[in-house]
Amino acid sequence: MIELIFVIIILGVLASIAVSKMGSATNAANIANARSNISAIRSAIISERQSQLIKGIGTYITKLTPATSSSMLFTGDGATTNPRTLLKYGLTKGSAAGQWSIVNNTTYKFNSGNDTTTFTYNPANGTFDCTAGANECDALVH
């Protein structure tokens, strides 16, 4: 009987270790997913500008999402005349871990689960970046 109690205690300790490791693995997966999203967004900005240069338009897209109320982010400016498109399918807006949200036409937030990192789009030079050293910025962009 005492052996059974010890086995149950050992299994409980092992289970608690596994659960804590799983939580950090989820955060790491969210960061990896965000890195992929950031690369896709940056590539789409450059690709969109290159397609505009061919048309003789030298500016970057003015906004990455049609409106702050949009349910899909990073789809383009939403203009009715000469729309400028970024990601064909976009990213679903949300506030849960691993999701993006929009603050205004140039500011977005990513929730990693442990922290929220703010990204800013600069339409003057086409950069989409966060402040180095702030929150999880360094883990997301490097």
C-alpha atoms as a PDB file:
ATOM      1  CA  MET A   1       0.000   0.000   0.000  1.00  0.00           C
ATOM      2  CA  ILE A   2       2.824   2.423   0.842  1.00  0.00           C
ATOM      3  CA  GLU A   3       4.468   1.627  -2.502  1.00  0.00           C
ATOM      4  CA  LEU A   4       1.257   2.595  -4.294  1.00  0.00           C
ATOM      5  CA  ILE A   5       1.155   5.954  -2.491  1.00  0.00           C
ATOM      6  CA  PHE A   6       4.767   6.652  -3.494  1.00  0.00           C
ATOM      7  CA  VAL A   7       3.986   5.781  -7.125  1.00  0.00           C
ATOM      8  CA  ILE A   8       1.009   8.160  -7.096  1.00  0.00           C
ATOM      9  CA  ILE A   9       3.146  10.952  -5.595  1.00  0.00           C
ATOM     10  CA  ILE A  10       5.872  10.429  -8.209  1.00  0.00           C
ATOM     11  CA  LEU A  11       3.307  10.471 -11.022  1.00  0.00           C
ATOM     12  CA  GLY A  12       1.857  13.711  -9.634  1.00  0.00           C
ATOM     13  CA  VAL A  13       5.293  15.365  -9.585  1.00  0.00           C
ATOM     14  CA  LEU A  14       6.024  14.218 -13.147  1.00  0.00           C
ATOM     15  CA  ALA A  15       2.625  15.469 -14.332  1.00  0.00           C
ATOM     16  CA  SER A  16       3.212  18.911 -12.804  1.00  0.00           C
ATOM     17  CA  ILE A  17       6.580  19.151 -14.559  1.00  0.00           C
ATOM     18  CA  ALA A  18       5.020  18.127 -17.885  1.00  0.00           C
ATOM     19  CA  VAL A  19       2.231  20.711 -17.589  1.00  0.00           C
ATOM     20  CA  SER A  20       4.688  23.534 -16.903  1.00  0.00           C
ATOM     21  CA  LYS A  21       6.826  22.491 -19.897  1.00  0.00           C
ATOM     22  CA  MET A  22       3.735  22.388 -22.103  1.00  0.00           C
ATOM     23  CA  GLY A  23       2.869  25.984 -21.155  1.00  0.00           C
ATOM     24  CA  SER A  24       6.280  27.254 -22.235  1.00  0.00           C
ATOM     25  CA  ALA A  25       6.063  25.192 -25.424  1.00  0.00           C
ATOM     26  CA  THR A  26       2.761  26.899 -26.272  1.00  0.00           C
ATOM     27  CA  ASN A  27       4.355  30.329 -25.836  1.00  0.00           C
ATOM     28  CA  ALA A  28       7.297  29.275 -28.012  1.00  0.00           C
ATOM     29  CA  ALA A  29       4.866  28.084 -30.697  1.00  0.00           C
ATOM     30  CA  ASN A  30       3.021  31.435 -30.583  1.00  0.00           C
ATOM     31  CA  ILE A  31       6.319  33.293 -31.018  1.00  0.00           C
ATOM     32  CA  ALA A  32       7.330  31.052 -33.931  1.00  0.00           C
ATOM     33  CA  ASN A  33       3.943  31.642 -35.563  1.00  0.00           C
ATOM     34  CA  ALA A  34       4.300  35.405 -35.070  1.00  0.00           C
ATOM     35  CA  ARG A  35       7.765  35.355 -36.657  1.00  0.00           C
ATOM     36  CA  SER A  36       6.256  33.684 -39.695  1.00  0.00           C
ATOM     37  CA  ASN A  37       3.437  36.259 -39.779  1.00  0.00           C
ATOM     38  CA  ILE A  38       5.872  39.168 -39.487  1.00  0.00           C
ATOM     39  CA  SER A  39       7.970  37.820 -42.357  1.00  0.00           C
ATOM     40  CA  ALA A  40       4.872  37.386 -44.522  1.00  0.00           C
ATOM     41  CA  ILE A  41       3.653  40.915 -43.713  1.00  0.00           C
ATOM     42  CA  ARG A  42       7.029  42.485 -44.464  1.00  0.00           C
ATOM     43  CA  SER A  43       7.373  40.507 -47.705  1.00  0.00           C
ATOM     44  CA  ALA A  44       3.856  41.525 -48.746  1.00  0.00           C
ATOM     45  CA  ILE A  45       4.651  45.210 -48.138  1.00  0.00           C
ATOM     46  CA  ILE A  46       7.755  44.985 -50.341  1.00  0.00           C
ATOM     47  CA  SER A  47       5.994  42.919 -53.008  1.00  0.00           C
ATOM     48  CA  GLU A  48       3.071  45.342 -53.134  1.00  0.00           C
ATOM     49  CA  ARG A  49       5.431  48.303 -53.494  1.00  0.00           C
ATOM     50  CA  GLN A  50       7.341  46.593 -56.300  1.00  0.00           C
ATOM     51  CA  SER A  51       4.097  45.967 -58.179  1.00  0.00           C
ATOM     52  CA  GLN A  52       3.226  49.667 -57.728  1.00  0.00           C
ATOM     53  CA  LEU A  53       6.663  50.764 -58.965  1.00  0.00           C
ATOM     54  CA  ILE A  54       5.977  48.915 -62.216  1.00  0.00           C
ATOM     55  CA  LYS A  55       2.840  51.077 -62.565  1.00  0.00           C
ATOM     56  CA  GLY A  56       4.859  54.234 -61.858  1.00  0.00           C
ATOM     57  CA  ILE A  57       3.597  54.675 -58.287  1.00  0.00           C
ATOM     58  CA  GLY A  58       6.508  55.141 -55.889  1.00  0.00           C
ATOM     59  CA  THR A  59       4.693  55.198 -52.565  1.00  0.00           C
ATOM     60  CA  TYR A  60       4.207  52.452 -50.020  1.00  0.00           C
ATOM     61  CA  ILE A  61       0.704  51.311 -49.148  1.00  0.00           C
ATOM     62  CA  THR A  62      -0.869  53.820 -46.722  1.00  0.00           C
ATOM     63  CA  LYS A  63      -2.548  51.284 -44.427  1.00  0.00           C
ATOM     64  CA  LEU A  64      -2.280  47.527 -44.025  1.00  0.00           C
ATOM     65  CA  THR A  65      -5.907  46.874 -43.049  1.00  0.00           C
ATOM     66  CA  PRO A  66      -9.036  48.528 -44.545  1.00  0.00           C
ATOM     67  CA  ALA A  67     -10.471  49.660 -41.182  1.00  0.00           C
ATOM     68  CA  THR A  68      -9.928  49.142 -37.468  1.00  0.00           C
ATOM     69  CA  SER A  69     -13.272  47.302 -37.399  1.00  0.00           C
ATOM     70  CA  SER A  70     -12.089  44.708 -39.945  1.00  0.00           C
ATOM     71  CA  SER A  71     -12.158  41.097 -38.764  1.00  0.00           C
ATOM     72  CA  MET A  72      -9.237  40.189 -41.054  1.00  0.00           C
ATOM     73  CA  LEU A  73      -5.953  42.062 -40.711  1.00  0.00           C
ATOM     74  CA  PHE A  74      -3.199  42.844 -43.218  1.00  0.00           C
ATOM     75  CA  THR A  75      -5.378  42.414 -46.312  1.00  0.00           C
ATOM     76  CA  GLY A  76      -4.602  45.820 -47.838  1.00  0.00           C
ATOM     77  CA  ASP A  77      -5.947  49.363 -47.874  1.00  0.00           C
ATOM     78  CA  GLY A  78      -9.526  48.455 -48.875  1.00  0.00           C
ATOM     79  CA  ALA A  79      -9.767  51.260 -51.426  1.00  0.00           C
ATOM     80  CA  THR A  80     -12.628  50.994 -53.915  1.00  0.00           C
ATOM     81  CA  THR A  81     -10.555  52.615 -56.678  1.00  0.00           C
ATOM     82  CA  ASN A  82      -7.157  51.014 -57.315  1.00  0.00           C
ATOM     83  CA  PRO A  83      -7.098  48.844 -54.179  1.00  0.00           C
ATOM     84  CA  ARG A  84      -3.699  47.843 -52.886  1.00  0.00           C
ATOM     85  CA  THR A  85      -3.669  44.262 -51.598  1.00  0.00           C
ATOM     86  CA  LEU A  86      -1.289  42.656 -49.112  1.00  0.00           C
ATOM     87  CA  LEU A  87      -2.086  39.185 -47.761  1.00  0.00           C
ATOM     88  CA  LYS A  88      -4.738  37.416 -49.822  1.00  0.00           C
ATOM     89  CA  TYR A  89      -6.369  35.748 -46.814  1.00  0.00           C
ATOM     90  CA  GLY A  90      -5.187  38.010 -43.988  1.00  0.00           C
ATOM     91  CA  LEU A  91      -4.909  37.138 -40.314  1.00  0.00           C
ATOM     92  CA  THR A  92      -7.933  36.801 -38.056  1.00  0.00           C
ATOM     93  CA  LYS A  93      -8.223  39.619 -35.546  1.00  0.00           C
ATOM     94  CA  GLY A  94      -8.445  38.593 -31.886  1.00  0.00           C
ATOM     95  CA  SER A  95      -7.168  39.164 -28.385  1.00  0.00           C
ATOM     96  CA  ALA A  96      -6.292  35.583 -27.402  1.00  0.00           C
ATOM     97  CA  ALA A  97      -2.748  34.249 -27.201  1.00  0.00           C
ATOM     98  CA  GLY A  98      -1.176  33.972 -30.648  1.00  0.00           C
ATOM     99  CA  GLN A  99      -3.467  36.566 -32.242  1.00  0.00           C
ATOM    100  CA  TRP A 100      -3.109  40.073 -33.650  1.00  0.00           C
ATOM    101  CA  SER A 101      -5.244  43.129 -32.926  1.00  0.00           C
ATOM    102  CA  ILE A 102      -5.369  46.595 -34.474  1.00  0.00           C
ATOM    103  CA  VAL A 103      -5.119  49.894 -32.587  1.00  0.00           C
ATOM    104  CA  ASN A 104      -5.235  52.316 -35.538  1.00  0.00           C
ATOM    105  CA  ASN A 105      -4.207  52.432 -39.217  1.00  0.00           C
ATOM    106  CA  THR A 106      -0.523  52.038 -38.384  1.00  0.00           C
ATOM    107  CA  THR A 107      -0.390  50.281 -34.991  1.00  0.00           C
ATOM    108  CA  TYR A 108      -0.936  46.575 -34.333  1.00  0.00           C
ATOM    109  CA  LYS A 109      -0.499  44.376 -31.269  1.00  0.00           C
ATOM    110  CA  PHE A 110       0.538  40.744 -31.004  1.00  0.00           C
ATOM    111  CA  ASN A 111      -0.415  38.736 -27.911  1.00  0.00           C
ATOM    112  CA  SER A 112       2.126  35.967 -27.315  1.00  0.00           C
ATOM    113  CA  GLY A 113       0.328  34.674 -24.242  1.00  0.00           C
ATOM    114  CA  ASN A 114       2.981  36.023 -21.889  1.00  0.00           C
ATOM    115  CA  ASP A 115       3.060  39.580 -23.184  1.00  0.00           C
ATOM    116  CA  THR A 116       1.632  41.965 -25.775  1.00  0.00           C
ATOM    117  CA  THR A 117       4.038  43.558 -28.252  1.00  0.00           C
ATOM    118  CA  THR A 118       3.163  46.662 -30.258  1.00  0.00           C
ATOM    119  CA  PHE A 119       4.170  46.916 -33.927  1.00  0.00           C
ATOM    120  CA  THR A 120       4.078  50.126 -35.930  1.00  0.00           C
ATOM    121  CA  TYR A 121       3.826  50.459 -39.698  1.00  0.00           C
ATOM    122  CA  ASN A 122       5.507  53.500 -41.247  1.00  0.00           C
ATOM    123  CA  PRO A 123       3.946  54.243 -44.670  1.00  0.00           C
ATOM    124  CA  ALA A 124       6.740  56.709 -45.480  1.00  0.00           C
ATOM    125  CA  ASN A 125       9.395  53.984 -45.683  1.00  0.00           C
ATOM    126  CA  GLY A 126       7.399  50.718 -45.518  1.00  0.00           C
ATOM    127  CA  THR A 127       8.813  49.454 -42.223  1.00  0.00           C
ATOM    128  CA  PHE A 128       6.756  47.209 -39.938  1.00  0.00           C
ATOM    129  CA  ASP A 129       8.581  46.937 -36.656  1.00  0.00           C
ATOM    130  CA  CYS A 130       8.423  46.973 -32.870  1.00  0.00           C
ATOM    131  CA  THR A 131      10.669  48.799 -30.426  1.00  0.00           C
ATOM    132  CA  ALA A 132      13.812  46.774 -29.774  1.00  0.00           C
ATOM    133  CA  GLY A 133      14.101  45.683 -26.144  1.00  0.00           C
ATOM    134  CA  ALA A 134      10.393  46.265 -25.464  1.00  0.00           C
ATOM    135  CA  ASN A 135       8.252  43.323 -24.331  1.00  0.00           C
ATOM    136  CA  GLU A 136       9.034  40.338 -26.580  1.00  0.00           C
ATOM    137  CA  CYS A 137      10.116  42.384 -29.596  1.00  0.00           C
ATOM    138  CA  ASP A 138      13.622  40.943 -29.724  1.00  0.00           C
ATOM    139  CA  ALA A 139      12.300  37.367 -29.672  1.00  0.00           C
ATOM    140  CA  LEU A 140       9.794  38.147 -32.415  1.00  0.00           C
ATOM    141  CA  VAL A 141      11.961  39.921 -34.973  1.00  0.00           C
ATOM    142  CA  HIS A 142      15.416  38.393 -34.539  1.00  0.00           C
END
